Amino acid sequence: MPLLKRREVSGTISFSGAAPARAALVKEIASRYHAAEDAIVVKGIHVRFGSSQASFTAYLYDSAESRQAIEPKPRDKKAKAPEKKE
């Protein structure tokens, strides 16, 4: 059993127009690997200038709970900002 309970997936995708969004890539990975969408983290999408191909790296966790325990929490400035009193 792996220590981090995840698999690393990398590959190349072809597209026309704009590069695919992370959400679309997560849906495609989930359908291809039969995994839950909330257990997938896309680490990076790398597009070469002028190309219609992109490479990506993603992590597939065994469960959403293991993803939440390992992945860093997003830093949202608005969530941490104190409310203004009027």
N, C-alpha and C. Protein backbone atom coordinates (compact mmCIF):
# COMPACT_ATOMS: atom_id res chain seq x y z
N MET A 1 0.86 -1.18 0.00
CA MET A 1 0.00 0.00 0.00
C MET A 1 0.90 1.23 0.00
N PRO A 2 0.68 2.15 -0.93
CA PRO A 2 1.50 3.37 -0.99
C PRO A 2 1.27 4.24 0.25
N LEU A 3 2.30 4.94 0.63
CA LEU A 3 2.24 5.78 1.82
C LEU A 3 1.23 6.92 1.66
N LEU A 4 1.20 7.58 0.51
CA LEU A 4 0.32 8.73 0.31
C LEU A 4 -1.03 8.35 -0.29
N LYS A 5 -1.25 7.09 -0.59
CA LYS A 5 -2.53 6.60 -1.12
C LYS A 5 -2.94 7.36 -2.38
N ARG A 6 -1.99 7.47 -3.31
CA ARG A 6 -2.29 8.15 -4.56
C ARG A 6 -1.43 7.58 -5.68
N ARG A 7 -1.89 7.84 -6.91
CA ARG A 7 -1.13 7.49 -8.10
C ARG A 7 -0.87 8.77 -8.88
N GLU A 8 0.29 8.86 -9.50
CA GLU A 8 0.60 10.01 -10.33
C GLU A 8 0.31 9.64 -11.77
N VAL A 9 -0.44 10.51 -12.44
CA VAL A 9 -0.81 10.29 -13.83
C VAL A 9 -0.29 11.47 -14.64
N SER A 10 0.34 11.18 -15.75
CA SER A 10 0.77 12.25 -16.65
C SER A 10 0.47 11.82 -18.07
N GLY A 11 0.28 12.79 -18.93
CA GLY A 11 -0.04 12.47 -20.31
C GLY A 11 -0.06 13.71 -21.18
N THR A 12 -0.48 13.49 -22.41
CA THR A 12 -0.57 14.56 -23.40
C THR A 12 -1.98 14.59 -23.95
N ILE A 13 -2.53 15.80 -24.08
CA ILE A 13 -3.87 15.96 -24.64
C ILE A 13 -3.80 16.88 -25.85
N SER A 14 -4.67 16.62 -26.82
CA SER A 14 -4.79 17.49 -28.00
C SER A 14 -6.07 18.28 -27.88
N PHE A 15 -6.05 19.52 -28.37
CA PHE A 15 -7.22 20.38 -28.28
C PHE A 15 -7.21 21.34 -29.45
N SER A 16 -8.36 21.95 -29.68
CA SER A 16 -8.46 23.02 -30.67
C SER A 16 -8.99 24.25 -29.95
N GLY A 17 -8.46 25.39 -30.28
CA GLY A 17 -8.87 26.62 -29.59
C GLY A 17 -8.08 26.80 -28.32
N ALA A 18 -8.76 27.19 -27.26
CA ALA A 18 -8.11 27.44 -25.98
C ALA A 18 -7.75 26.12 -25.29
N ALA A 19 -6.76 26.19 -24.42
CA ALA A 19 -6.36 25.01 -23.65
C ALA A 19 -7.51 24.58 -22.74
N PRO A 20 -7.66 23.31 -22.49
CA PRO A 20 -8.77 22.84 -21.66
C PRO A 20 -8.63 23.32 -20.22
N ALA A 21 -9.76 23.53 -19.59
CA ALA A 21 -9.78 23.96 -18.19
C ALA A 21 -9.49 22.76 -17.29
N ARG A 22 -9.08 23.05 -16.07
CA ARG A 22 -8.78 21.98 -15.11
C ARG A 22 -10.01 21.13 -14.84
N ALA A 23 -11.18 21.74 -14.76
CA ALA A 23 -12.41 21.00 -14.47
C ALA A 23 -12.71 19.98 -15.57
N ALA A 24 -12.52 20.38 -16.82
CA ALA A 24 -12.74 19.46 -17.94
C ALA A 24 -11.73 18.32 -17.91
N LEU A 25 -10.51 18.62 -17.55
CA LEU A 25 -9.47 17.60 -17.47
C LEU A 25 -9.76 16.63 -16.32
N VAL A 26 -10.24 17.13 -15.21
CA VAL A 26 -10.60 16.27 -14.08
C VAL A 26 -11.71 15.31 -14.48
N LYS A 27 -12.71 15.80 -15.20
CA LYS A 27 -13.81 14.93 -15.64
C LYS A 27 -13.31 13.83 -16.58
N GLU A 28 -12.41 14.17 -17.47
CA GLU A 28 -11.87 13.19 -18.41
C GLU A 28 -11.03 12.14 -17.69
N ILE A 29 -10.20 12.57 -16.75
CA ILE A 29 -9.39 11.63 -15.98
C ILE A 29 -10.27 10.72 -15.15
N ALA A 30 -11.31 11.28 -14.54
CA ALA A 30 -12.23 10.48 -13.71
C ALA A 30 -12.93 9.41 -14.53
N SER A 31 -13.35 9.76 -15.74
CA SER A 31 -14.03 8.76 -16.57
C SER A 31 -13.06 7.71 -17.09
N ARG A 32 -11.84 8.10 -17.38
CA ARG A 32 -10.87 7.15 -17.93
C ARG A 32 -10.36 6.17 -16.87
N TYR A 33 -10.14 6.65 -15.64
CA TYR A 33 -9.59 5.81 -14.59
C TYR A 33 -10.64 5.33 -13.59
N HIS A 34 -11.91 5.59 -13.84
CA HIS A 34 -13.01 5.18 -12.97
C HIS A 34 -12.77 5.64 -11.54
N ALA A 35 -12.50 6.92 -11.37
CA ALA A 35 -12.23 7.50 -10.06
C ALA A 35 -13.22 8.62 -9.78
N ALA A 36 -13.35 8.98 -8.51
CA ALA A 36 -14.22 10.08 -8.12
C ALA A 36 -13.54 11.40 -8.46
N GLU A 37 -14.33 12.37 -8.93
CA GLU A 37 -13.77 13.67 -9.33
C GLU A 37 -13.18 14.43 -8.15
N ASP A 38 -13.74 14.25 -6.96
CA ASP A 38 -13.22 14.99 -5.81
C ASP A 38 -11.95 14.36 -5.23
N ALA A 39 -11.50 13.25 -5.81
CA ALA A 39 -10.26 12.60 -5.37
C ALA A 39 -9.12 12.83 -6.36
N ILE A 40 -9.30 13.77 -7.30
CA ILE A 40 -8.31 14.05 -8.33
C ILE A 40 -7.81 15.49 -8.18
N VAL A 41 -6.49 15.65 -8.26
CA VAL A 41 -5.88 16.98 -8.20
C VAL A 41 -5.00 17.13 -9.43
N VAL A 42 -5.28 18.14 -10.26
CA VAL A 42 -4.45 18.43 -11.42
C VAL A 42 -3.35 19.38 -10.95
N LYS A 43 -2.11 18.93 -11.04
CA LYS A 43 -0.98 19.73 -10.57
C LYS A 43 -0.53 20.75 -11.61
N GLY A 44 -0.63 20.42 -12.89
CA GLY A 44 -0.19 21.37 -13.89
C GLY A 44 -0.61 20.98 -15.29
N ILE A 45 -0.89 22.00 -16.10
CA ILE A 45 -1.15 21.83 -17.52
C ILE A 45 -0.14 22.72 -18.24
N HIS A 46 0.68 22.12 -19.06
CA HIS A 46 1.77 22.84 -19.72
C HIS A 46 1.55 22.84 -21.23
N VAL A 47 1.37 24.03 -21.79
CA VAL A 47 1.11 24.20 -23.21
C VAL A 47 2.32 24.87 -23.85
N ARG A 48 2.79 24.32 -24.93
CA ARG A 48 3.87 24.98 -25.67
C ARG A 48 3.24 26.03 -26.57
N PHE A 49 3.85 27.18 -26.65
CA PHE A 49 3.31 28.29 -27.42
C PHE A 49 3.10 27.88 -28.88
N GLY A 50 1.90 28.14 -29.39
CA GLY A 50 1.58 27.85 -30.78
C GLY A 50 1.23 26.41 -31.06
N SER A 51 1.16 25.60 -30.03
CA SER A 51 0.88 24.18 -30.20
C SER A 51 -0.56 23.88 -29.81
N SER A 52 -1.10 22.82 -30.36
CA SER A 52 -2.45 22.39 -29.99
C SER A 52 -2.39 21.14 -29.12
N GLN A 53 -1.27 20.95 -28.44
CA GLN A 53 -1.11 19.85 -27.50
C GLN A 53 -0.61 20.39 -26.17
N ALA A 54 -1.00 19.72 -25.12
CA ALA A 54 -0.57 20.10 -23.78
C ALA A 54 -0.23 18.85 -22.99
N SER A 55 0.74 18.96 -22.12
CA SER A 55 1.05 17.86 -21.21
C SER A 55 0.49 18.22 -19.83
N PHE A 56 0.15 17.21 -19.06
CA PHE A 56 -0.43 17.45 -17.74
C PHE A 56 0.12 16.46 -16.74
N THR A 57 0.02 16.83 -15.47
CA THR A 57 0.35 15.97 -14.35
C THR A 57 -0.79 16.05 -13.36
N ALA A 58 -1.25 14.90 -12.88
CA ALA A 58 -2.35 14.86 -11.93
C ALA A 58 -2.11 13.76 -10.91
N TYR A 59 -2.75 13.89 -9.75
CA TYR A 59 -2.71 12.87 -8.71
C TYR A 59 -4.10 12.28 -8.56
N LEU A 60 -4.18 10.95 -8.51
CA LEU A 60 -5.43 10.24 -8.26
C LEU A 60 -5.33 9.64 -6.86
N TYR A 61 -6.12 10.15 -5.94
CA TYR A 61 -6.12 9.65 -4.57
C TYR A 61 -7.13 8.53 -4.45
N ASP A 62 -6.93 7.66 -3.46
CA ASP A 62 -7.85 6.55 -3.22
C ASP A 62 -9.22 7.05 -2.79
N SER A 63 -9.26 8.17 -2.07
CA SER A 63 -10.53 8.73 -1.61
C SER A 63 -10.39 10.23 -1.44
N ALA A 64 -11.51 10.91 -1.32
CA ALA A 64 -11.51 12.35 -1.10
C ALA A 64 -10.92 12.69 0.27
N GLU A 65 -11.13 11.81 1.25
CA GLU A 65 -10.59 12.04 2.58
C GLU A 65 -9.07 12.03 2.58
N SER A 66 -8.47 11.10 1.85
CA SER A 66 -7.01 11.06 1.79
C SER A 66 -6.46 12.27 1.02
N ARG A 67 -7.19 12.75 0.02
CA ARG A 67 -6.78 13.97 -0.69
C ARG A 67 -6.80 15.17 0.25
N GLN A 68 -7.85 15.30 1.04
CA GLN A 68 -7.96 16.43 1.97
C GLN A 68 -6.90 16.38 3.06
N ALA A 69 -6.50 15.18 3.46
CA ALA A 69 -5.50 15.05 4.51
C ALA A 69 -4.09 15.38 4.00
N ILE A 70 -3.82 15.16 2.72
CA ILE A 70 -2.47 15.32 2.20
C ILE A 70 -2.26 16.64 1.47
N GLU A 71 -3.20 17.03 0.65
CA GLU A 71 -3.03 18.24 -0.17
C GLU A 71 -3.10 19.49 0.70
N PRO A 72 -2.29 20.50 0.39
CA PRO A 72 -2.36 21.76 1.15
C PRO A 72 -3.69 22.45 0.93
N LYS A 73 -4.12 23.14 1.95
CA LYS A 73 -5.39 23.86 1.87
C LYS A 73 -5.21 25.10 1.00
N PRO A 74 -6.22 25.47 0.20
CA PRO A 74 -6.10 26.68 -0.61
C PRO A 74 -6.05 27.92 0.28
N ARG A 75 -5.26 28.85 -0.14
CA ARG A 75 -5.12 30.10 0.63
C ARG A 75 -6.02 31.15 0.00
N ASP A 76 -7.14 31.37 0.61
CA ASP A 76 -8.10 32.34 0.11
C ASP A 76 -8.02 33.59 0.96
N LYS A 77 -7.55 34.68 0.37
CA LYS A 77 -7.38 35.93 1.12
C LYS A 77 -8.71 36.48 1.60
N LYS A 78 -9.75 36.31 0.81
CA LYS A 78 -11.06 36.84 1.20
C LYS A 78 -11.62 36.10 2.41
N ALA A 79 -11.34 34.83 2.52
CA ALA A 79 -11.85 34.05 3.64
C ALA A 79 -11.17 34.46 4.95
N LYS A 80 -9.92 34.88 4.86
CA LYS A 80 -9.18 35.25 6.06
C LYS A 80 -9.31 36.72 6.41
N ALA A 81 -9.78 37.55 5.49
CA ALA A 81 -9.88 38.99 5.75
C ALA A 81 -10.99 39.27 6.75
N PRO A 82 -10.73 40.12 7.75
CA PRO A 82 -11.77 40.45 8.72
C PRO A 82 -12.85 41.33 8.06
N GLU A 83 -14.06 41.14 8.54
CA GLU A 83 -15.17 41.92 8.00
C GLU A 83 -15.08 43.36 8.48
N LYS A 84 -15.45 44.29 7.62
CA LYS A 84 -15.43 45.71 7.97
C LYS A 84 -16.71 46.05 8.74
N LYS A 85 -16.55 46.77 9.83
CA LYS A 85 -17.71 47.19 10.62
C LYS A 85 -18.13 48.56 10.13
N GLU A 86 -19.40 48.72 9.93
CA GLU A 86 -19.92 50.00 9.46
C GLU A 86 -20.84 50.62 10.47
